[in-house]
Amino acid sequence: MKSLLWILLACVCFNTSFAKDAAPLADDPVIEQRLINISEEMRCLVCQNESLAGSRSELANDLRREIRILIQEGKSDDQIRSFMVERYGDFVLYRPPVKPITWLLWIGPFAILVIGIATLLRYLRRRNQNMPSTTLSAADNQKIDALLNQEKRDG
């Protein structure tokens, strides 16, 4: 058991001795910070629920590389966003501009919610109308009272 522990300890020490720090993605930290700021505002086209900065898909890596090149070419943040929208459409932005083409993106989720609630209410009303209304007889009421009184005595 001791030899197994020594082997495990040696493996851990051996592996950590070869560990290195992550290499920076850009030579210039200012470029890298601009890349992060821009890519956090954009949606990964593959994942769709992750930002371009957080996604690890191949397309996201390619788009970040493209943004880095545009930054190095001296493009402004707005020019880079415009380039991405021109190439991939307004969907690439997490906050697309409100215009007739993007109304569905802005209003769609709320419209679906309202339609769902209206459908649910309509279903519940129809179900309640279709249920037969029954009144209990005096004998049924006496049985219920007897059961409740028995429960009070036992409980």
C-alpha atoms as a PDB file:
ATOM      1  CA  MET A   1       0.000   0.000   0.000  1.00  0.00           C
ATOM      2  CA  LYS A   2       2.868   2.353   0.837  1.00  0.00           C
ATOM      3  CA  SER A   3       4.545   1.656  -2.492  1.00  0.00           C
ATOM      4  CA  LEU A   4       1.311   2.454  -4.320  1.00  0.00           C
ATOM      5  CA  LEU A   5       1.074   5.758  -2.454  1.00  0.00           C
ATOM      6  CA  TRP A   6       4.699   6.602  -3.368  1.00  0.00           C
ATOM      7  CA  ILE A   7       4.054   5.795  -7.027  1.00  0.00           C
ATOM      8  CA  LEU A   8       0.948   7.982  -7.034  1.00  0.00           C
ATOM      9  CA  LEU A   9       2.837  10.836  -5.371  1.00  0.00           C
ATOM     10  CA  ALA A  10       5.676  10.511  -7.900  1.00  0.00           C
ATOM     11  CA  CYS A  11       3.193  10.626 -10.805  1.00  0.00           C
ATOM     12  CA  VAL A  12       1.553  13.762  -9.474  1.00  0.00           C
ATOM     13  CA  CYS A  13       4.884  15.512  -8.949  1.00  0.00           C
ATOM     14  CA  PHE A  14       6.198  14.378 -12.317  1.00  0.00           C
ATOM     15  CA  ASN A  15       3.114  15.644 -14.204  1.00  0.00           C
ATOM     16  CA  THR A  16       3.036  19.043 -12.517  1.00  0.00           C
ATOM     17  CA  SER A  17       6.698  19.664 -13.254  1.00  0.00           C
ATOM     18  CA  PHE A  18       5.880  19.785 -16.969  1.00  0.00           C
ATOM     19  CA  ALA A  19       2.860  22.059 -16.589  1.00  0.00           C
ATOM     20  CA  LYS A  20       3.128  25.456 -18.249  1.00  0.00           C
ATOM     21  CA  ASP A  21       1.161  28.656 -18.067  1.00  0.00           C
ATOM     22  CA  ALA A  22      -1.384  29.231 -20.794  1.00  0.00           C
ATOM     23  CA  ALA A  23       0.081  31.143 -23.684  1.00  0.00           C
ATOM     24  CA  PRO A  24      -1.622  34.467 -24.346  1.00  0.00           C
ATOM     25  CA  LEU A  25      -3.778  34.472 -27.454  1.00  0.00           C
ATOM     26  CA  ALA A  26      -2.468  37.828 -28.620  1.00  0.00           C
ATOM     27  CA  ASP A  27       0.889  39.492 -28.209  1.00  0.00           C
ATOM     28  CA  ASP A  28      -0.832  42.707 -27.163  1.00  0.00           C
ATOM     29  CA  PRO A  29      -3.075  42.542 -24.073  1.00  0.00           C
ATOM     30  CA  VAL A  30      -4.985  45.635 -25.288  1.00  0.00           C
ATOM     31  CA  ILE A  31      -5.996  43.798 -28.467  1.00  0.00           C
ATOM     32  CA  GLU A  32      -6.999  40.772 -26.425  1.00  0.00           C
ATOM     33  CA  GLN A  33      -9.151  42.911 -24.105  1.00  0.00           C
ATOM     34  CA  ARG A  34     -10.894  44.543 -27.092  1.00  0.00           C
ATOM     35  CA  LEU A  35     -11.471  41.091 -28.559  1.00  0.00           C
ATOM     36  CA  ILE A  36     -13.082  39.920 -25.317  1.00  0.00           C
ATOM     37  CA  ASN A  37     -15.269  43.043 -25.060  1.00  0.00           C
ATOM     38  CA  ILE A  38     -16.512  42.697 -28.637  1.00  0.00           C
ATOM     39  CA  SER A  39     -16.991  38.931 -28.541  1.00  0.00           C
ATOM     40  CA  GLU A  40     -18.985  39.061 -25.279  1.00  0.00           C
ATOM     41  CA  GLU A  41     -21.644  41.082 -27.130  1.00  0.00           C
ATOM     42  CA  MET A  42     -21.937  38.489 -29.885  1.00  0.00           C
ATOM     43  CA  ARG A  43     -23.717  35.150 -29.972  1.00  0.00           C
ATOM     44  CA  CYS A  44     -21.974  31.943 -30.969  1.00  0.00           C
ATOM     45  CA  LEU A  45     -23.752  30.824 -34.127  1.00  0.00           C
ATOM     46  CA  VAL A  46     -23.244  27.156 -33.238  1.00  0.00           C
ATOM     47  CA  CYS A  47     -24.111  27.188 -29.522  1.00  0.00           C
ATOM     48  CA  GLN A  48     -26.607  30.093 -29.717  1.00  0.00           C
ATOM     49  CA  ASN A  49     -26.925  30.350 -25.941  1.00  0.00           C
ATOM     50  CA  GLU A  50     -23.269  31.228 -25.346  1.00  0.00           C
ATOM     51  CA  SER A  51     -21.366  34.353 -26.139  1.00  0.00           C
ATOM     52  CA  LEU A  52     -18.660  34.226 -28.746  1.00  0.00           C
ATOM     53  CA  ALA A  53     -16.141  34.841 -25.941  1.00  0.00           C
ATOM     54  CA  GLY A  54     -17.315  31.837 -23.911  1.00  0.00           C
ATOM     55  CA  SER A  55     -17.839  29.320 -26.680  1.00  0.00           C
ATOM     56  CA  ARG A  56     -15.219  26.723 -27.545  1.00  0.00           C
ATOM     57  CA  SER A  57     -16.646  25.638 -30.900  1.00  0.00           C
ATOM     58  CA  GLU A  58     -14.455  25.723 -33.986  1.00  0.00           C
ATOM     59  CA  LEU A  59     -16.605  28.424 -35.584  1.00  0.00           C
ATOM     60  CA  ALA A  60     -16.268  30.587 -32.468  1.00  0.00           C
ATOM     61  CA  ASN A  61     -12.481  30.177 -32.594  1.00  0.00           C
ATOM     62  CA  ASP A  62     -12.498  31.192 -36.262  1.00  0.00           C
ATOM     63  CA  LEU A  63     -14.702  34.226 -35.576  1.00  0.00           C
ATOM     64  CA  ARG A  64     -12.484  35.351 -32.692  1.00  0.00           C
ATOM     65  CA  ARG A  65      -9.458  34.976 -34.974  1.00  0.00           C
ATOM     66  CA  GLU A  66     -11.267  37.081 -37.603  1.00  0.00           C
ATOM     67  CA  ILE A  67     -12.106  39.754 -35.019  1.00  0.00           C
ATOM     68  CA  ARG A  68      -8.481  39.779 -33.819  1.00  0.00           C
ATOM     69  CA  ILE A  69      -7.299  40.344 -37.409  1.00  0.00           C
ATOM     70  CA  LEU A  70      -9.791  43.202 -37.869  1.00  0.00           C
ATOM     71  CA  ILE A  71      -8.578  44.802 -34.623  1.00  0.00           C
ATOM     72  CA  GLN A  72      -4.975  44.536 -35.794  1.00  0.00           C
ATOM     73  CA  GLU A  73      -5.996  46.167 -39.081  1.00  0.00           C
ATOM     74  CA  GLY A  74      -7.147  49.176 -37.064  1.00  0.00           C
ATOM     75  CA  LYS A  75     -10.924  48.744 -37.432  1.00  0.00           C
ATOM     76  CA  SER A  76     -13.113  50.322 -34.766  1.00  0.00           C
ATOM     77  CA  ASP A  77     -15.462  48.276 -32.586  1.00  0.00           C
ATOM     78  CA  ASP A  78     -18.479  49.572 -34.530  1.00  0.00           C
ATOM     79  CA  GLN A  79     -16.864  48.656 -37.853  1.00  0.00           C
ATOM     80  CA  ILE A  80     -16.179  45.145 -36.566  1.00  0.00           C
ATOM     81  CA  ARG A  81     -19.784  44.752 -35.336  1.00  0.00           C
ATOM     82  CA  SER A  82     -21.060  46.033 -38.681  1.00  0.00           C
ATOM     83  CA  PHE A  83     -18.845  43.549 -40.513  1.00  0.00           C
ATOM     84  CA  MET A  84     -20.153  40.665 -38.408  1.00  0.00           C
ATOM     85  CA  VAL A  85     -23.795  41.736 -38.861  1.00  0.00           C
ATOM     86  CA  GLU A  86     -23.273  42.175 -42.594  1.00  0.00           C
ATOM     87  CA  ARG A  87     -21.801  38.699 -42.807  1.00  0.00           C
ATOM     88  CA  TYR A  88     -24.015  36.749 -40.344  1.00  0.00           C
ATOM     89  CA  GLY A  89     -27.092  38.909 -39.821  1.00  0.00           C
ATOM     90  CA  ASP A  90     -28.518  40.609 -36.729  1.00  0.00           C
ATOM     91  CA  PHE A  91     -28.823  37.262 -34.946  1.00  0.00           C
ATOM     92  CA  VAL A  92     -25.083  37.338 -34.221  1.00  0.00           C
ATOM     93  CA  LEU A  93     -25.673  40.210 -31.765  1.00  0.00           C
ATOM     94  CA  TYR A  94     -27.015  39.486 -28.290  1.00  0.00           C
ATOM     95  CA  ARG A  95     -28.864  42.797 -28.414  1.00  0.00           C
ATOM     96  CA  PRO A  96     -29.964  43.203 -32.025  1.00  0.00           C
ATOM     97  CA  PRO A  97     -31.273  46.645 -33.002  1.00  0.00           C
ATOM     98  CA  VAL A  98     -35.038  47.133 -32.942  1.00  0.00           C
ATOM     99  CA  LYS A  99     -36.154  47.426 -36.559  1.00  0.00           C
ATOM    100  CA  PRO A 100     -38.873  45.748 -38.637  1.00  0.00           C
ATOM    101  CA  ILE A 101     -36.636  42.825 -39.540  1.00  0.00           C
ATOM    102  CA  THR A 102     -35.810  42.086 -35.877  1.00  0.00           C
ATOM    103  CA  TRP A 103     -39.278  42.634 -34.406  1.00  0.00           C
ATOM    104  CA  LEU A 104     -39.759  38.876 -34.271  1.00  0.00           C
ATOM    105  CA  LEU A 105     -36.576  38.514 -32.194  1.00  0.00           C
ATOM    106  CA  TRP A 106     -37.767  41.163 -29.742  1.00  0.00           C
ATOM    107  CA  ILE A 107     -41.501  40.468 -29.602  1.00  0.00           C
ATOM    108  CA  GLY A 108     -41.563  36.741 -30.439  1.00  0.00           C
ATOM    109  CA  PRO A 109     -40.872  35.344 -26.949  1.00  0.00           C
ATOM    110  CA  PHE A 110     -43.539  37.585 -25.382  1.00  0.00           C
ATOM    111  CA  ALA A 111     -46.045  36.724 -28.113  1.00  0.00           C
ATOM    112  CA  ILE A 112     -45.454  33.008 -27.556  1.00  0.00           C
ATOM    113  CA  LEU A 113     -45.938  33.494 -23.804  1.00  0.00           C
ATOM    114  CA  VAL A 114     -49.226  35.396 -24.282  1.00  0.00           C
ATOM    115  CA  ILE A 115     -50.512  32.816 -26.774  1.00  0.00           C
ATOM    116  CA  GLY A 116     -49.589  30.002 -24.379  1.00  0.00           C
ATOM    117  CA  ILE A 117     -51.383  31.618 -21.438  1.00  0.00           C
ATOM    118  CA  ALA A 118     -54.468  32.370 -23.573  1.00  0.00           C
ATOM    119  CA  THR A 119     -54.557  28.770 -24.829  1.00  0.00           C
ATOM    120  CA  LEU A 120     -54.230  27.419 -21.288  1.00  0.00           C
ATOM    121  CA  LEU A 121     -57.041  29.644 -19.984  1.00  0.00           C
ATOM    122  CA  ARG A 122     -59.293  28.663 -22.895  1.00  0.00           C
ATOM    123  CA  TYR A 123     -58.611  24.969 -22.275  1.00  0.00           C
ATOM    124  CA  LEU A 124     -59.320  25.271 -18.545  1.00  0.00           C
ATOM    125  CA  ARG A 125     -62.598  27.143 -19.141  1.00  0.00           C
ATOM    126  CA  ARG A 126     -63.806  24.568 -21.665  1.00  0.00           C
ATOM    127  CA  ARG A 127     -62.855  21.742 -19.348  1.00  0.00           C
ATOM    128  CA  ASN A 128     -64.770  23.303 -16.459  1.00  0.00           C
ATOM    129  CA  GLN A 129     -67.843  23.864 -18.652  1.00  0.00           C
ATOM    130  CA  ASN A 130     -67.821  20.245 -19.836  1.00  0.00           C
ATOM    131  CA  MET A 131     -67.639  18.800 -16.322  1.00  0.00           C
ATOM    132  CA  PRO A 132     -71.046  17.791 -15.009  1.00  0.00           C
ATOM    133  CA  SER A 133     -72.192  19.677 -11.961  1.00  0.00           C
ATOM    134  CA  THR A 134     -73.395  17.267  -9.288  1.00  0.00           C
ATOM    135  CA  THR A 135     -75.009  18.093  -5.982  1.00  0.00           C
ATOM    136  CA  LEU A 136     -74.691  15.816  -3.030  1.00  0.00           C
ATOM    137  CA  SER A 137     -77.746  14.235  -1.494  1.00  0.00           C
ATOM    138  CA  ALA A 138     -78.578  14.568   2.190  1.00  0.00           C
ATOM    139  CA  ALA A 139     -77.435  10.976   2.738  1.00  0.00           C
ATOM    140  CA  ASP A 140     -74.064  11.756   1.098  1.00  0.00           C
ATOM    141  CA  ASN A 141     -73.652  14.831   3.329  1.00  0.00           C
ATOM    142  CA  GLN A 142     -74.411  12.731   6.427  1.00  0.00           C
ATOM    143  CA  LYS A 143     -71.793  10.145   5.389  1.00  0.00           C
ATOM    144  CA  ILE A 144     -69.195  12.884   4.902  1.00  0.00           C
ATOM    145  CA  ASP A 145     -70.009  14.446   8.285  1.00  0.00           C
ATOM    146  CA  ALA A 146     -69.746  11.037   9.954  1.00  0.00           C
ATOM    147  CA  LEU A 147     -66.334  10.404   8.370  1.00  0.00           C
ATOM    148  CA  LEU A 148     -65.078  13.837   9.432  1.00  0.00           C
ATOM    149  CA  ASN A 149     -66.314  13.391  13.002  1.00  0.00           C
ATOM    150  CA  GLN A 150     -64.729   9.938  13.165  1.00  0.00           C
ATOM    151  CA  GLU A 151     -61.416  11.415  11.956  1.00  0.00           C
ATOM    152  CA  LYS A 152     -61.572  14.117  14.638  1.00  0.00           C
ATOM    153  CA  ARG A 153     -62.158  11.503  17.335  1.00  0.00           C
ATOM    154  CA  ASP A 154     -59.359   9.217  16.080  1.00  0.00           C
ATOM    155  CA  GLY A 155     -56.885  11.941  15.205  1.00  0.00           C
END
